[in-house]
Amino acid sequence: MDKRALLLGSAFLFLAVALGAFGAHGLKAHVSPEGLSQWRTAVEYQFYHGLGLLLLAGMANRLTAPAVRVIRLSFSLGILLFSGSIYLLATRDVSGLQGLASVLGPITPLGGLCFMVAWATLFITAWRRADDR
């Protein structure tokens, strides 16, 4: 088991639940329906990839150590960049970050790319391990 992936996954999932509740109850009166939709997207992707970290924690002994590190880092960076930038974009009007939209917008796809790197690394590593049998 990869303890770091377990800790990161559980922390990101805890935060996803808290941020989801905050979005549903605390932001409703302050953010547009579009902003709430964006917030939900950020929560969903944080949830999916937090679960990906838990999956990684449980199967780490079947993967190579370098692959586990790449996947763990890629999922974590993906959550921070993808979901984090969307949280900030969704609340930019109430947080006073309107001027950062042009900076935050391009960060979101970088987070998506990190997610893709993690899943591709998992696929390739699993493929190679299956060939070893």
Protein backbone atom coordinates (compact mmCIF):
# COMPACT_ATOMS: atom_id res chain seq x y z
CA MET A 1 0.00 0.00 0.00
CA ASP A 2 1.17 3.51 -0.78
CA LYS A 3 0.60 5.53 2.40
CA ARG A 4 1.13 8.87 0.65
CA ALA A 5 -1.55 8.11 -1.93
CA LEU A 6 -3.90 7.00 0.86
CA LEU A 7 -3.30 10.20 2.83
CA LEU A 8 -3.61 12.45 -0.22
CA GLY A 9 -6.69 10.65 -1.49
CA SER A 10 -8.49 10.79 1.83
CA ALA A 11 -7.58 14.48 2.31
CA PHE A 12 -8.73 15.42 -1.20
CA LEU A 13 -11.96 13.45 -0.70
CA PHE A 14 -12.63 15.11 2.65
CA LEU A 15 -12.13 18.49 1.01
CA ALA A 16 -14.35 17.52 -1.93
CA VAL A 17 -17.22 16.76 0.43
CA ALA A 18 -16.66 20.00 2.35
CA LEU A 19 -16.33 22.09 -0.83
CA GLY A 20 -19.37 20.41 -2.34
CA ALA A 21 -21.45 21.27 0.71
CA PHE A 22 -20.08 24.81 0.73
CA GLY A 23 -20.97 25.23 -2.92
CA ALA A 24 -24.47 23.85 -2.47
CA HIS A 25 -25.28 25.89 0.64
CA GLY A 26 -22.82 28.74 1.08
CA LEU A 27 -22.38 29.97 -2.47
CA LYS A 28 -25.93 29.65 -3.73
CA ALA A 29 -26.85 33.27 -2.94
CA HIS A 30 -23.53 34.72 -4.10
CA VAL A 31 -22.60 32.97 -7.34
CA SER A 32 -24.42 32.70 -10.64
CA PRO A 33 -25.99 29.41 -11.75
CA GLU A 34 -23.10 29.08 -14.22
CA GLY A 35 -20.61 29.58 -11.40
CA LEU A 36 -22.36 26.92 -9.31
CA SER A 37 -22.22 24.54 -12.26
CA GLN A 38 -18.50 25.19 -12.62
CA TRP A 39 -18.04 24.63 -8.88
CA ARG A 40 -19.84 21.26 -9.13
CA THR A 41 -17.57 20.26 -12.02
CA ALA A 42 -14.50 21.05 -9.90
CA VAL A 43 -15.90 19.02 -6.99
CA GLU A 44 -16.71 16.07 -9.27
CA TYR A 45 -13.23 15.93 -10.77
CA GLN A 46 -11.65 16.29 -7.34
CA PHE A 47 -13.80 13.39 -6.18
CA TYR A 48 -12.99 11.15 -9.14
CA HIS A 49 -9.28 11.68 -8.82
CA GLY A 50 -9.29 11.46 -5.03
CA LEU A 51 -10.81 8.02 -5.55
CA GLY A 52 -8.08 7.39 -8.13
CA LEU A 53 -5.52 8.07 -5.39
CA LEU A 54 -7.25 5.54 -3.13
CA LEU A 55 -7.20 3.03 -5.98
CA LEU A 56 -3.50 3.71 -6.39
CA ALA A 57 -2.90 3.24 -2.65
CA GLY A 58 -4.52 -0.16 -2.75
CA MET A 59 -2.74 -1.44 -5.84
CA ALA A 60 0.66 0.19 -5.38
CA ASN A 61 2.35 -3.13 -4.60
CA ARG A 62 1.40 -4.34 -8.09
CA LEU A 63 3.00 -1.35 -9.85
CA THR A 64 6.54 -0.11 -10.12
CA ALA A 65 7.67 2.49 -7.58
CA PRO A 66 8.43 5.10 -10.28
CA ALA A 67 4.97 4.62 -11.80
CA VAL A 68 3.32 5.04 -8.39
CA ARG A 69 5.21 8.31 -7.85
CA VAL A 70 4.26 9.66 -11.29
CA ILE A 71 0.60 8.70 -10.87
CA ARG A 72 0.39 10.09 -7.32
CA LEU A 73 2.02 13.37 -8.32
CA SER A 74 -0.04 13.68 -11.51
CA PHE A 75 -3.36 13.08 -9.75
CA SER A 76 -2.43 15.55 -7.00
CA LEU A 77 -1.25 18.26 -9.39
CA GLY A 78 -4.29 17.64 -11.56
CA ILE A 79 -6.64 18.21 -8.63
CA LEU A 80 -4.81 21.35 -7.55
CA LEU A 81 -4.54 22.83 -11.05
CA PHE A 82 -7.82 21.66 -12.63
CA SER A 83 -10.23 21.81 -9.71
CA GLY A 84 -8.37 24.62 -7.95
CA SER A 85 -8.48 26.91 -10.97
CA ILE A 86 -12.17 26.17 -11.53
CA TYR A 87 -12.98 26.93 -7.88
CA LEU A 88 -11.26 30.28 -8.29
CA LEU A 89 -12.90 30.98 -11.65
CA ALA A 90 -16.35 30.08 -10.33
CA THR A 91 -16.00 32.53 -7.44
CA ARG A 92 -14.00 35.26 -9.16
CA ASP A 93 -16.81 37.84 -8.92
CA VAL A 94 -17.25 37.45 -5.16
CA SER A 95 -13.56 36.98 -4.40
CA GLY A 96 -12.37 39.94 -6.44
CA LEU A 97 -10.28 37.79 -8.79
CA GLN A 98 -11.92 38.92 -12.05
CA GLY A 99 -8.56 40.13 -13.34
CA LEU A 100 -7.01 36.69 -12.93
CA ALA A 101 -9.46 34.94 -15.28
CA SER A 102 -7.02 35.22 -18.17
CA VAL A 103 -4.32 33.58 -16.03
CA LEU A 104 -6.50 30.95 -14.37
CA GLY A 105 -8.21 29.84 -17.60
CA PRO A 106 -5.08 28.32 -19.15
CA ILE A 107 -4.21 26.53 -15.89
CA THR A 108 -7.33 24.36 -16.06
CA PRO A 109 -6.23 22.35 -19.13
CA LEU A 110 -2.82 21.78 -17.53
CA GLY A 111 -4.62 20.09 -14.67
CA GLY A 112 -6.56 18.00 -17.17
CA LEU A 113 -3.29 17.03 -18.82
CA CYS A 114 -1.98 15.90 -15.42
CA PHE A 115 -5.04 13.66 -15.03
CA MET A 116 -4.39 12.17 -18.46
CA VAL A 117 -0.72 11.55 -17.60
CA ALA A 118 -1.76 9.70 -14.44
CA TRP A 119 -4.30 7.48 -16.20
CA ALA A 120 -1.97 6.83 -19.15
CA THR A 121 0.86 5.91 -16.78
CA LEU A 122 -1.43 3.51 -14.95
CA PHE A 123 -2.56 1.96 -18.23
CA ILE A 124 0.97 1.56 -19.62
CA THR A 125 2.33 0.18 -16.34
CA ALA A 126 -0.54 -2.30 -16.05
CA TRP A 127 -0.07 -3.32 -19.68
CA ARG A 128 3.63 -3.97 -19.15
CA ARG A 129 3.00 -5.85 -15.90
CA ALA A 130 0.44 -8.04 -17.65
CA ASP A 131 3.06 -8.87 -20.28
CA ASP A 132 5.40 -10.08 -17.51
CA ARG A 133 3.09 -12.97 -16.64
